[in-house]
Amino acid sequence: MAQHVLVTGGAGYIGAHACKVLKAAGFVPVTFDNISTGWEEAVKFGPLVRGDLMNRPEIDAALALYKPVAVMHFAALSLVGESMKDPATYWRVNVNGALNLLEATVAAGIRNFVFSSTCATYGDQDGVLLDEGTPQRPINAYGGSKLAIEEMVRNFGPAHGLNSVIFRYFNVAGADPEAEVGEQHTPETHLIPLMLDAVAGKRPALTVFGTDYDTRDGTCVRDYVHVMDLVDAHVLGLKWLLKGGESRVFCLGTGNGFSVREVIEASRTVTNRDVPVVFGDRRAGDAVTLVSGSEAAIRDLGWNPARSTLRDMIGDAWRWAQAEPFQR
């Protein structure tokens, strides 16, 4: 009989891709989502439980019904700019929601927990290859709330026997190559889908925020990882725990940073279309350069981020953008 895995945020961008890969690996992904930012149409690979992490009884009921072998936690508020303007909401929703989930998880006797964290916990450490040992100094409430959750997860280990894998990942991009699910946010804030919307004429232009950063071309540099590579790592982390592996933290990136201008140039090559661009001021909370050192995941989990090239990420995202998107 297939084992169930509770996936919070399984109707969202990364969670939906994780559900597809979990199903392919022989698990039954159970999406727990309030559909506030996700899409019911994205829940194609297992059952949907409409629930809110701020409501502990709803979590308890889902765990009692499906008796999962593990919890995979993606659900969170995740807009950096919004977190700068309204930090209280990010602390309240992200941290309290995660605490409810952790308490429900251990109360249900579940001992395997995969947490989707972020490179935003490192803050702005320009010129540093960010790995598992790099000091964490978040500069916005989103990164701060994720760091707090990491600490909670670690505290629950010795106290309750909770085994965990924490992933700190970098800029996620691309889409399912088969275009069953893809990236679609309301509002959209990520570079590649915004850029492709401009290419397709769905918005007048792509706005580049800041051209005076201390980088090779004045624009921010980020380490982009393909969403399918990312969720592959989550399944590897789950299997690591189910085989008795110890609690670990892993960074997920490629070790290569690309500037905003370089991403735009790659889009011209992939789509064979020009990208209309306008230039704006820097955004509060944006780091200059974020690049990952992911040797531990490659060495210990056997992770292989083979799809994480700009050509593949933009190409898969472009295929999804031309498919029928979800409708609200």
C-alpha atoms as a PDB file:
ATOM      1  CA  MET A   1       0.000   0.000   0.000  1.00  0.00           C
ATOM      2  CA  ALA A   2       1.345   3.416  -0.981  1.00  0.00           C
ATOM      3  CA  GLN A   3       2.501   5.688   1.822  1.00  0.00           C
ATOM      4  CA  HIS A   4       0.863   9.084   2.276  1.00  0.00           C
ATOM      5  CA  VAL A   5       2.798  12.343   2.649  1.00  0.00           C
ATOM      6  CA  LEU A   6       1.063  15.518   3.833  1.00  0.00           C
ATOM      7  CA  VAL A   7       2.169  18.437   1.632  1.00  0.00           C
ATOM      8  CA  THR A   8       1.291  21.855   3.008  1.00  0.00           C
ATOM      9  CA  GLY A   9       0.990  24.397   0.221  1.00  0.00           C
ATOM     10  CA  GLY A  10       0.584  21.601  -2.329  1.00  0.00           C
ATOM     11  CA  ALA A  11      -1.621  23.832  -4.490  1.00  0.00           C
ATOM     12  CA  GLY A  12       1.175  26.384  -4.871  1.00  0.00           C
ATOM     13  CA  TYR A  13       4.020  26.605  -7.350  1.00  0.00           C
ATOM     14  CA  ILE A  14       6.672  24.471  -5.666  1.00  0.00           C
ATOM     15  CA  GLY A  15       4.253  22.311  -3.693  1.00  0.00           C
ATOM     16  CA  ALA A  16       2.341  21.229  -6.791  1.00  0.00           C
ATOM     17  CA  HIS A  17       5.555  20.169  -8.523  1.00  0.00           C
ATOM     18  CA  ALA A  18       6.546  18.285  -5.369  1.00  0.00           C
ATOM     19  CA  CYS A  19       3.233  16.422  -5.453  1.00  0.00           C
ATOM     20  CA  LYS A  20       3.890  15.338  -9.049  1.00  0.00           C
ATOM     21  CA  VAL A  21       7.333  13.985  -8.169  1.00  0.00           C
ATOM     22  CA  LEU A  22       6.055  12.315  -4.997  1.00  0.00           C
ATOM     23  CA  LYS A  23       3.407  10.470  -6.984  1.00  0.00           C
ATOM     24  CA  ALA A  24       6.009   9.359  -9.540  1.00  0.00           C
ATOM     25  CA  ALA A  25       8.108   8.046  -6.632  1.00  0.00           C
ATOM     26  CA  GLY A  26       5.232   5.870  -5.413  1.00  0.00           C
ATOM     27  CA  PHE A  27       3.829   8.065  -2.629  1.00  0.00           C
ATOM     28  CA  VAL A  28       0.339   9.528  -2.290  1.00  0.00           C
ATOM     29  CA  PRO A  29       0.704  13.300  -1.823  1.00  0.00           C
ATOM     30  CA  VAL A  30      -2.077  14.796   0.308  1.00  0.00           C
ATOM     31  CA  THR A  31      -2.312  18.525  -0.320  1.00  0.00           C
ATOM     32  CA  PHE A  32      -3.195  20.659   2.705  1.00  0.00           C
ATOM     33  CA  ASP A  33      -3.916  24.163   1.429  1.00  0.00           C
ATOM     34  CA  ASN A  34      -6.349  27.019   2.030  1.00  0.00           C
ATOM     35  CA  ILE A  35      -6.142  28.003  -1.682  1.00  0.00           C
ATOM     36  CA  SER A  36      -5.506  31.639  -0.714  1.00  0.00           C
ATOM     37  CA  THR A  37      -2.563  31.884  -3.126  1.00  0.00           C
ATOM     38  CA  GLY A  38      -2.528  28.398  -4.639  1.00  0.00           C
ATOM     39  CA  TRP A  39      -4.707  26.870  -7.331  1.00  0.00           C
ATOM     40  CA  GLU A  40      -7.187  24.040  -6.912  1.00  0.00           C
ATOM     41  CA  GLU A  41      -6.517  23.088 -10.548  1.00  0.00           C
ATOM     42  CA  ALA A  42      -2.897  22.360  -9.595  1.00  0.00           C
ATOM     43  CA  VAL A  43      -3.947  19.551  -7.243  1.00  0.00           C
ATOM     44  CA  LYS A  44      -3.774  16.720  -9.773  1.00  0.00           C
ATOM     45  CA  PHE A  45      -1.675  14.056  -8.118  1.00  0.00           C
ATOM     46  CA  GLY A  46      -3.488  13.203  -4.875  1.00  0.00           C
ATOM     47  CA  PRO A  47      -6.315  14.321  -2.587  1.00  0.00           C
ATOM     48  CA  LEU A  48      -6.911  17.905  -1.480  1.00  0.00           C
ATOM     49  CA  VAL A  49      -7.703  18.900   2.085  1.00  0.00           C
ATOM     50  CA  ARG A  50      -8.878  22.490   2.293  1.00  0.00           C
ATOM     51  CA  GLY A  51      -7.413  23.660   5.549  1.00  0.00           C
ATOM     52  CA  ASP A  52      -5.527  26.475   7.217  1.00  0.00           C
ATOM     53  CA  LEU A  53      -2.360  26.109   9.297  1.00  0.00           C
ATOM     54  CA  MET A  54      -3.723  28.724  11.674  1.00  0.00           C
ATOM     55  CA  ASN A  55      -6.495  26.239  12.553  1.00  0.00           C
ATOM     56  CA  ARG A  56      -4.950  23.402  14.578  1.00  0.00           C
ATOM     57  CA  PRO A  57      -8.044  21.126  14.541  1.00  0.00           C
ATOM     58  CA  GLU A  58      -8.012  21.133  10.735  1.00  0.00           C
ATOM     59  CA  ILE A  59      -4.417  19.912  10.736  1.00  0.00           C
ATOM     60  CA  ASP A  60      -5.210  17.248  13.336  1.00  0.00           C
ATOM     61  CA  ALA A  61      -8.139  15.990  11.275  1.00  0.00           C
ATOM     62  CA  ALA A  62      -6.058  15.691   8.089  1.00  0.00           C
ATOM     63  CA  LEU A  63      -3.295  13.792   9.874  1.00  0.00           C
ATOM     64  CA  ALA A  64      -5.792  11.455  11.558  1.00  0.00           C
ATOM     65  CA  LEU A  65      -7.573  10.728   8.267  1.00  0.00           C
ATOM     66  CA  TYR A  66      -4.545  10.022   6.073  1.00  0.00           C
ATOM     67  CA  LYS A  67      -1.934   8.885   8.639  1.00  0.00           C
ATOM     68  CA  PRO A  68       1.042  10.148   6.590  1.00  0.00           C
ATOM     69  CA  VAL A  69       4.555   8.814   7.096  1.00  0.00           C
ATOM     70  CA  ALA A  70       5.929  12.343   6.791  1.00  0.00           C
ATOM     71  CA  VAL A  71       5.036  16.014   6.483  1.00  0.00           C
ATOM     72  CA  MET A  72       6.501  18.220   3.755  1.00  0.00           C
ATOM     73  CA  HIS A  73       6.023  21.882   4.649  1.00  0.00           C
ATOM     74  CA  PHE A  74       5.925  24.464   1.838  1.00  0.00           C
ATOM     75  CA  ALA A  75       3.016  26.731   2.849  1.00  0.00           C
ATOM     76  CA  ALA A  76       4.066  30.282   3.763  1.00  0.00           C
ATOM     77  CA  LEU A  77       3.695  33.920   2.907  1.00  0.00           C
ATOM     78  CA  SER A  78       6.730  34.578   0.740  1.00  0.00           C
ATOM     79  CA  LEU A  79       6.824  38.074  -0.771  1.00  0.00           C
ATOM     80  CA  VAL A  80       9.939  39.916   0.392  1.00  0.00           C
ATOM     81  CA  GLY A  81       8.583  43.382  -0.378  1.00  0.00           C
ATOM     82  CA  GLU A  82       5.303  42.676   1.377  1.00  0.00           C
ATOM     83  CA  SER A  83       7.180  41.355   4.400  1.00  0.00           C
ATOM     84  CA  MET A  84       9.055  44.660   4.641  1.00  0.00           C
ATOM     85  CA  LYS A  85       5.783  46.612   4.692  1.00  0.00           C
ATOM     86  CA  ASP A  86       3.808  44.257   6.926  1.00  0.00           C
ATOM     87  CA  PRO A  87       6.235  42.241   9.075  1.00  0.00           C
ATOM     88  CA  ALA A  88       3.637  41.424  11.725  1.00  0.00           C
ATOM     89  CA  THR A  89       1.576  39.354   9.316  1.00  0.00           C
ATOM     90  CA  TYR A  90       4.626  37.367   8.234  1.00  0.00           C
ATOM     91  CA  TRP A  91       5.647  36.601  11.789  1.00  0.00           C
ATOM     92  CA  ARG A  92       2.102  35.715  12.777  1.00  0.00           C
ATOM     93  CA  VAL A  93       1.161  33.528   9.821  1.00  0.00           C
ATOM     94  CA  ASN A  94       4.445  31.834   8.998  1.00  0.00           C
ATOM     95  CA  VAL A  95       5.658  31.175  12.533  1.00  0.00           C
ATOM     96  CA  ASN A  96       2.345  30.412  14.250  1.00  0.00           C
ATOM     97  CA  GLY A  97       1.230  28.264  11.335  1.00  0.00           C
ATOM     98  CA  ALA A  98       4.447  26.254  11.440  1.00  0.00           C
ATOM     99  CA  LEU A  99       4.197  25.854  15.220  1.00  0.00           C
ATOM    100  CA  ASN A 100       0.658  24.490  14.891  1.00  0.00           C
ATOM    101  CA  LEU A 101       1.879  22.087  12.222  1.00  0.00           C
ATOM    102  CA  LEU A 102       4.856  20.881  14.253  1.00  0.00           C
ATOM    103  CA  GLU A 103       2.756  20.323  17.368  1.00  0.00           C
ATOM    104  CA  ALA A 104       0.133  18.428  15.375  1.00  0.00           C
ATOM    105  CA  THR A 105       2.809  16.362  13.644  1.00  0.00           C
ATOM    106  CA  VAL A 106       4.408  15.067  16.828  1.00  0.00           C
ATOM    107  CA  ALA A 107       1.020  14.612  18.525  1.00  0.00           C
ATOM    108  CA  ALA A 108       0.032  12.321  15.654  1.00  0.00           C
ATOM    109  CA  GLY A 109       3.167  10.238  16.141  1.00  0.00           C
ATOM    110  CA  ILE A 110       4.772  11.362  12.863  1.00  0.00           C
ATOM    111  CA  ARG A 111       8.540  11.620  13.112  1.00  0.00           C
ATOM    112  CA  ASN A 112       9.646  12.723   9.639  1.00  0.00           C
ATOM    113  CA  PHE A 113       9.494  16.395   8.614  1.00  0.00           C
ATOM    114  CA  VAL A 114      10.825  18.091   5.472  1.00  0.00           C
ATOM    115  CA  PHE A 115      10.912  21.867   5.673  1.00  0.00           C
ATOM    116  CA  SER A 116      11.233  24.177   2.710  1.00  0.00           C
ATOM    117  CA  SER A 117      13.330  27.108   3.942  1.00  0.00           C
ATOM    118  CA  THR A 118      15.125  29.797   1.953  1.00  0.00           C
ATOM    119  CA  CYS A 119      18.406  31.525   1.225  1.00  0.00           C
ATOM    120  CA  ALA A 120      16.707  34.679   2.543  1.00  0.00           C
ATOM    121  CA  THR A 121      17.775  33.515   6.014  1.00  0.00           C
ATOM    122  CA  TYR A 122      21.352  34.536   5.076  1.00  0.00           C
ATOM    123  CA  GLY A 123      20.534  38.155   4.329  1.00  0.00           C
ATOM    124  CA  ASP A 124      22.880  40.209   2.164  1.00  0.00           C
ATOM    125  CA  GLN A 125      26.349  38.617   2.260  1.00  0.00           C
ATOM    126  CA  ASP A 126      27.857  39.806  -0.987  1.00  0.00           C
ATOM    127  CA  GLY A 127      30.653  37.748  -2.480  1.00  0.00           C
ATOM    128  CA  VAL A 128      30.168  34.824  -0.088  1.00  0.00           C
ATOM    129  CA  LEU A 129      29.380  31.331  -1.366  1.00  0.00           C
ATOM    130  CA  LEU A 130      26.469  30.500   0.907  1.00  0.00           C
ATOM    131  CA  ASP A 131      26.498  27.009   2.360  1.00  0.00           C
ATOM    132  CA  GLU A 132      25.095  25.202   5.379  1.00  0.00           C
ATOM    133  CA  GLY A 133      27.682  26.733   7.727  1.00  0.00           C
ATOM    134  CA  THR A 134      27.317  30.364   6.632  1.00  0.00           C
ATOM    135  CA  PRO A 135      25.982  32.627   9.436  1.00  0.00           C
ATOM    136  CA  GLN A 136      22.318  33.507   8.989  1.00  0.00           C
ATOM    137  CA  ARG A 137      21.488  37.226   9.159  1.00  0.00           C
ATOM    138  CA  PRO A 138      18.101  37.843   7.495  1.00  0.00           C
ATOM    139  CA  ILE A 139      17.282  41.393   6.427  1.00  0.00           C
ATOM    140  CA  ASN A 140      13.510  41.067   6.031  1.00  0.00           C
ATOM    141  CA  ALA A 141      10.592  39.518   7.901  1.00  0.00           C
ATOM    142  CA  TYR A 142      10.203  36.732   5.356  1.00  0.00           C
ATOM    143  CA  GLY A 143      13.762  35.508   5.932  1.00  0.00           C
ATOM    144  CA  GLY A 144      13.454  36.116   9.655  1.00  0.00           C
ATOM    145  CA  SER A 145      10.280  34.071   9.958  1.00  0.00           C
ATOM    146  CA  LYS A 146      11.835  31.194   8.015  1.00  0.00           C
ATOM    147  CA  LEU A 147      14.891  31.236  10.274  1.00  0.00           C
ATOM    148  CA  ALA A 148      12.614  31.103  13.316  1.00  0.00           C
ATOM    149  CA  ILE A 149      10.869  28.049  11.870  1.00  0.00           C
ATOM    150  CA  GLU A 150      14.227  26.367  11.258  1.00  0.00           C
ATOM    151  CA  GLU A 151      15.008  26.845  14.952  1.00  0.00           C
ATOM    152  CA  MET A 152      11.644  25.400  15.952  1.00  0.00           C
ATOM    153  CA  VAL A 153      12.172  22.345  13.755  1.00  0.00           C
ATOM    154  CA  ARG A 154      15.598  21.778  15.306  1.00  0.00           C
ATOM    155  CA  ASN A 155      14.200  22.192  18.842  1.00  0.00           C
ATOM    156  CA  PHE A 156      11.513  19.587  18.179  1.00  0.00           C
ATOM    157  CA  GLY A 157      14.203  17.006  17.357  1.00  0.00           C
ATOM    158  CA  PRO A 158      15.620  16.217  20.808  1.00  0.00           C
ATOM    159  CA  ALA A 159      12.362  17.136  22.566  1.00  0.00           C
ATOM    160  CA  HIS A 160      10.004  14.957  20.509  1.00  0.00           C
ATOM    161  CA  GLY A 161      12.145  12.650  18.379  1.00  0.00           C
ATOM    162  CA  LEU A 162      11.300  14.572  15.213  1.00  0.00           C
ATOM    163  CA  ASN A 163      13.718  13.826  12.378  1.00  0.00           C
ATOM    164  CA  SER A 164      13.996  16.583   9.815  1.00  0.00           C
ATOM    165  CA  VAL A 165      15.568  17.721   6.584  1.00  0.00           C
ATOM    166  CA  ILE A 166      15.682  21.478   6.048  1.00  0.00           C
ATOM    167  CA  PHE A 167      16.311  22.820   2.551  1.00  0.00           C
ATOM    168  CA  ARG A 168      17.547  26.372   2.005  1.00  0.00           C
ATOM    169  CA  TYR A 169      17.047  27.052  -1.648  1.00  0.00           C
ATOM    170  CA  PHE A 170      17.745  29.888  -3.973  1.00  0.00           C
ATOM    171  CA  ASN A 171      15.715  31.425  -6.821  1.00  0.00           C
ATOM    172  CA  VAL A 172      13.341  28.773  -8.116  1.00  0.00           C
ATOM    173  CA  ALA A 173      12.436  28.940 -11.795  1.00  0.00           C
ATOM    174  CA  GLY A 174      11.051  26.871 -14.646  1.00  0.00           C
ATOM    175  CA  ALA A 175       8.047  24.586 -14.790  1.00  0.00           C
ATOM    176  CA  ASP A 176       7.022  20.992 -15.241  1.00  0.00           C
ATOM    177  CA  PRO A 177       8.397  20.056 -18.718  1.00  0.00           C
ATOM    178  CA  GLU A 178       5.059  18.360 -19.458  1.00  0.00           C
ATOM    179  CA  ALA A 179       3.219  21.603 -18.565  1.00  0.00           C
ATOM    180  CA  GLU A 180       0.771  19.898 -16.209  1.00  0.00           C
ATOM    181  CA  VAL A 181       1.628  22.492 -13.560  1.00  0.00           C
ATOM    182  CA  GLY A 182       3.693  25.643 -13.614  1.00  0.00           C
ATOM    183  CA  GLU A 183       4.409  28.968 -11.994  1.00  0.00           C
ATOM    184  CA  GLN A 184       1.472  31.316 -11.592  1.00  0.00           C
ATOM    185  CA  HIS A 185       1.206  33.809  -8.759  1.00  0.00           C
ATOM    186  CA  THR A 186      -1.320  36.575  -8.086  1.00  0.00           C
ATOM    187  CA  PRO A 187       0.337  39.016  -8.030  1.00  0.00           C
ATOM    188  CA  GLU A 188       3.355  37.725  -9.917  1.00  0.00           C
ATOM    189  CA  THR A 189       6.673  38.896  -8.478  1.00  0.00           C
ATOM    190  CA  HIS A 190       9.269  36.502  -9.911  1.00  0.00           C
ATOM    191  CA  LEU A 191      11.631  37.596 -12.644  1.00  0.00           C
ATOM    192  CA  ILE A 192      11.215  34.888 -15.275  1.00  0.00           C
ATOM    193  CA  PRO A 193       7.381  34.748 -15.438  1.00  0.00           C
ATOM    194  CA  LEU A 194       7.226  38.554 -15.376  1.00  0.00           C
ATOM    195  CA  MET A 195       9.749  38.654 -18.193  1.00  0.00           C
ATOM    196  CA  LEU A 196       7.847  36.088 -20.258  1.00  0.00           C
ATOM    197  CA  ASP A 197       4.594  37.982 -19.720  1.00  0.00           C
ATOM    198  CA  ALA A 198       6.310  41.027 -21.206  1.00  0.00           C
ATOM    199  CA  VAL A 199       7.614  38.940 -24.096  1.00  0.00           C
ATOM    200  CA  ALA A 200       4.094  37.626 -24.756  1.00  0.00           C
ATOM    201  CA  GLY A 201       2.541  41.095 -24.559  1.00  0.00           C
ATOM    202  CA  LYS A 202       0.583  40.337 -21.372  1.00  0.00           C
ATOM    203  CA  ARG A 203       2.241  43.303 -19.659  1.00  0.00           C
ATOM    204  CA  PRO A 204       3.809  46.400 -21.243  1.00  0.00           C
ATOM    205  CA  ALA A 205       7.359  45.742 -20.032  1.00  0.00           C
ATOM    206  CA  LEU A 206       9.557  44.056 -17.471  1.00  0.00           C
ATOM    207  CA  THR A 207      10.675  46.400 -14.698  1.00  0.00           C
ATOM    208  CA  VAL A 208      14.280  45.926 -13.586  1.00  0.00           C
ATOM    209  CA  PHE A 209      14.623  47.134  -9.996  1.00  0.00           C
ATOM    210  CA  GLY A 210      18.027  48.719  -9.582  1.00  0.00           C
ATOM    211  CA  THR A 211      20.910  49.054 -12.037  1.00  0.00           C
ATOM    212  CA  ASP A 212      23.531  50.436  -9.626  1.00  0.00           C
ATOM    213  CA  TYR A 213      24.354  47.338  -7.585  1.00  0.00           C
ATOM    214  CA  ASP A 214      27.992  46.408  -7.128  1.00  0.00           C
ATOM    215  CA  THR A 215      27.839  43.568  -9.652  1.00  0.00           C
ATOM    216  CA  ARG A 216      29.354  42.985 -13.076  1.00  0.00           C
ATOM    217  CA  ASP A 217      26.495  44.790 -14.864  1.00  0.00           C
ATOM    218  CA  GLY A 218      24.773  46.712 -12.059  1.00  0.00           C
ATOM    219  CA  THR A 219      21.840  44.323 -11.612  1.00  0.00           C
ATOM    220  CA  CYS A 220      21.227  41.793  -8.836  1.00  0.00           C
ATOM    221  CA  VAL A 221      22.825  38.353  -9.137  1.00  0.00           C
ATOM    222  CA  ARG A 222      20.930  35.216  -8.168  1.00  0.00           C
ATOM    223  CA  ASP A 223      21.479  31.464  -8.218  1.00  0.00           C
ATOM    224  CA  TYR A 224      18.565  29.952 -10.160  1.00  0.00           C
ATOM    225  CA  VAL A 225      17.468  26.354  -9.610  1.00  0.00           C
ATOM    226  CA  HIS A 226      14.916  24.496 -11.730  1.00  0.00           C
ATOM    227  CA  VAL A 227      11.741  23.709  -9.800  1.00  0.00           C
ATOM    228  CA  MET A 228      11.909  20.052 -10.877  1.00  0.00           C
ATOM    229  CA  ASP A 229      15.470  19.746  -9.584  1.00  0.00           C
ATOM    230  CA  LEU A 230      14.342  21.384  -6.354  1.00  0.00           C
ATOM    231  CA  VAL A 231      11.456  19.001  -5.725  1.00  0.00           C
ATOM    232  CA  ASP A 232      13.621  16.028  -6.694  1.00  0.00           C
ATOM    233  CA  ALA A 233      15.824  17.030  -3.746  1.00  0.00           C
ATOM    234  CA  HIS A 234      12.795  17.106  -1.444  1.00  0.00           C
ATOM    235  CA  VAL A 235      11.902  13.541  -2.385  1.00  0.00           C
ATOM    236  CA  LEU A 236      15.517  12.493  -1.826  1.00  0.00           C
ATOM    237  CA  GLY A 237      15.371  14.182   1.578  1.00  0.00           C
ATOM    238  CA  LEU A 238      12.162  12.315   2.409  1.00  0.00           C
ATOM    239  CA  LYS A 239      13.730   8.990   1.445  1.00  0.00           C
ATOM    240  CA  TRP A 240      16.803   9.897   3.520  1.00  0.00           C
ATOM    241  CA  LEU A 241      14.586  10.236   6.597  1.00  0.00           C
ATOM    242  CA  LEU A 242      12.522   7.109   5.881  1.00  0.00           C
ATOM    243  CA  LYS A 243      15.770   5.114   5.714  1.00  0.00           C
ATOM    244  CA  GLY A 244      16.779   6.374   9.141  1.00  0.00           C
ATOM    245  CA  GLY A 245      19.020   9.261   8.108  1.00  0.00           C
ATOM    246  CA  GLU A 246      19.898  11.883  10.698  1.00  0.00           C
ATOM    247  CA  SER A 247      18.448  15.375  10.711  1.00  0.00           C
ATOM    248  CA  ARG A 248      20.265  17.604   8.243  1.00  0.00           C
ATOM    249  CA  VAL A 249      20.259  21.005   6.560  1.00  0.00           C
ATOM    250  CA  PHE A 250      21.026  21.247   2.838  1.00  0.00           C
ATOM    251  CA  CYS A 251      21.448  24.216   0.511  1.00  0.00           C
ATOM    252  CA  LEU A 252      20.018  23.835  -2.979  1.00  0.00           C
ATOM    253  CA  GLY A 253      21.481  25.865  -5.820  1.00  0.00           C
ATOM    254  CA  THR A 254      23.958  25.516  -8.641  1.00  0.00           C
ATOM    255  CA  GLY A 255      26.868  27.614  -7.396  1.00  0.00           C
ATOM    256  CA  ASN A 256      26.452  29.853 -10.455  1.00  0.00           C
ATOM    257  CA  GLY A 257      24.941  33.308 -10.249  1.00  0.00           C
ATOM    258  CA  PHE A 258      23.252  35.121 -13.119  1.00  0.00           C
ATOM    259  CA  SER A 259      22.418  38.815 -13.221  1.00  0.00           C
ATOM    260  CA  VAL A 260      19.012  40.133 -14.211  1.00  0.00           C
ATOM    261  CA  ARG A 261      20.483  41.403 -17.478  1.00  0.00           C
ATOM    262  CA  GLU A 262      21.947  37.960 -18.221  1.00  0.00           C
ATOM    263  CA  VAL A 263      18.572  36.310 -17.652  1.00  0.00           C
ATOM    264  CA  ILE A 264      16.976  38.788 -20.051  1.00  0.00           C
ATOM    265  CA  GLU A 265      19.589  38.058 -22.691  1.00  0.00           C
ATOM    266  CA  ALA A 266      19.047  34.307 -22.283  1.00  0.00           C
ATOM    267  CA  SER A 267      15.314  34.837 -22.786  1.00  0.00           C
ATOM    268  CA  ARG A 268      15.956  36.533 -26.119  1.00  0.00           C
ATOM    269  CA  THR A 269      17.893  33.455 -27.209  1.00  0.00           C
ATOM    270  CA  VAL A 270      15.312  30.914 -25.984  1.00  0.00           C
ATOM    271  CA  THR A 271      12.139  32.664 -27.184  1.00  0.00           C
ATOM    272  CA  ASN A 272      13.637  34.421 -30.179  1.00  0.00           C
ATOM    273  CA  ARG A 273      11.733  37.519 -29.093  1.00  0.00           C
ATOM    274  CA  ASP A 274      12.788  40.824 -27.620  1.00  0.00           C
ATOM    275  CA  VAL A 275      12.099  41.673 -23.978  1.00  0.00           C
ATOM    276  CA  PRO A 276      10.621  45.147 -23.423  1.00  0.00           C
ATOM    277  CA  VAL A 277      12.327  46.582 -20.329  1.00  0.00           C
ATOM    278  CA  VAL A 278      11.983  49.639 -18.113  1.00  0.00           C
ATOM    279  CA  PHE A 279      14.321  50.469 -15.252  1.00  0.00           C
ATOM    280  CA  GLY A 280      13.209  51.319 -11.718  1.00  0.00           C
ATOM    281  CA  ASP A 281      14.704  51.992  -8.295  1.00  0.00           C
ATOM    282  CA  ARG A 282      16.010  49.343  -5.954  1.00  0.00           C
ATOM    283  CA  ARG A 283      13.496  47.530  -3.778  1.00  0.00           C
ATOM    284  CA  ALA A 284      13.907  47.503   0.002  1.00  0.00           C
ATOM    285  CA  GLY A 285      15.100  44.128   1.273  1.00  0.00           C
ATOM    286  CA  ASP A 286      16.716  42.929  -1.944  1.00  0.00           C
ATOM    287  CA  ALA A 287      20.170  41.430  -1.483  1.00  0.00           C
ATOM    288  CA  VAL A 288      22.925  42.165  -4.004  1.00  0.00           C
ATOM    289  CA  THR A 289      24.224  38.646  -4.668  1.00  0.00           C
ATOM    290  CA  LEU A 290      22.945  35.259  -3.500  1.00  0.00           C
ATOM    291  CA  VAL A 291      24.831  32.184  -4.703  1.00  0.00           C
ATOM    292  CA  SER A 292      24.733  28.724  -3.162  1.00  0.00           C
ATOM    293  CA  GLY A 293      27.248  26.084  -2.317  1.00  0.00           C
ATOM    294  CA  SER A 294      25.290  22.816  -2.645  1.00  0.00           C
ATOM    295  CA  GLU A 295      28.023  20.209  -2.427  1.00  0.00           C
ATOM    296  CA  ALA A 296      26.437  18.518   0.621  1.00  0.00           C
ATOM    297  CA  ALA A 297      23.161  17.750  -1.187  1.00  0.00           C
ATOM    298  CA  ILE A 298      25.045  16.446  -4.216  1.00  0.00           C
ATOM    299  CA  ARG A 299      27.391  14.323  -2.108  1.00  0.00           C
ATOM    300  CA  ASP A 300      25.042  12.991   0.587  1.00  0.00           C
ATOM    301  CA  LEU A 301      21.641  12.889  -1.112  1.00  0.00           C
ATOM    302  CA  GLY A 302      22.878  12.089  -4.600  1.00  0.00           C
ATOM    303  CA  TRP A 303      21.155  15.226  -5.903  1.00  0.00           C
ATOM    304  CA  ASN A 304      21.805  16.193  -9.514  1.00  0.00           C
ATOM    305  CA  PRO A 305      20.513  19.659 -10.569  1.00  0.00           C
ATOM    306  CA  ALA A 306      20.789  18.739 -14.259  1.00  0.00           C
ATOM    307  CA  ARG A 307      17.868  20.894 -15.435  1.00  0.00           C
ATOM    308  CA  SER A 308      19.110  24.070 -13.780  1.00  0.00           C
ATOM    309  CA  THR A 309      20.406  25.864 -16.867  1.00  0.00           C
ATOM    310  CA  LEU A 310      18.936  29.161 -17.998  1.00  0.00           C
ATOM    311  CA  ARG A 311      17.990  27.551 -21.314  1.00  0.00           C
ATOM    312  CA  ASP A 312      15.984  24.762 -19.647  1.00  0.00           C
ATOM    313  CA  MET A 313      14.421  26.934 -16.963  1.00  0.00           C
ATOM    314  CA  ILE A 314      13.301  29.639 -19.377  1.00  0.00           C
ATOM    315  CA  GLY A 315      12.321  27.098 -22.030  1.00  0.00           C
ATOM    316  CA  ASP A 316      10.078  25.120 -19.650  1.00  0.00           C
ATOM    317  CA  ALA A 317       8.591  28.317 -18.222  1.00  0.00           C
ATOM    318  CA  TRP A 318       7.893  29.574 -21.749  1.00  0.00           C
ATOM    319  CA  ARG A 319       6.132  26.287 -22.617  1.00  0.00           C
ATOM    320  CA  TRP A 320       3.966  26.631 -19.523  1.00  0.00           C
ATOM    321  CA  ALA A 321       3.220  30.299 -20.272  1.00  0.00           C
ATOM    322  CA  GLN A 322       1.896  29.297 -23.675  1.00  0.00           C
ATOM    323  CA  ALA A 323      -0.308  26.539 -22.221  1.00  0.00           C
ATOM    324  CA  GLU A 324      -3.679  27.146 -20.605  1.00  0.00           C
ATOM    325  CA  PRO A 325      -2.928  28.809 -17.262  1.00  0.00           C
ATOM    326  CA  PHE A 326      -5.017  28.371 -14.147  1.00  0.00           C
ATOM    327  CA  GLN A 327      -8.024  30.674 -13.937  1.00  0.00           C
ATOM    328  CA  ARG A 328      -9.388  32.323 -10.792  1.00  0.00           C
END
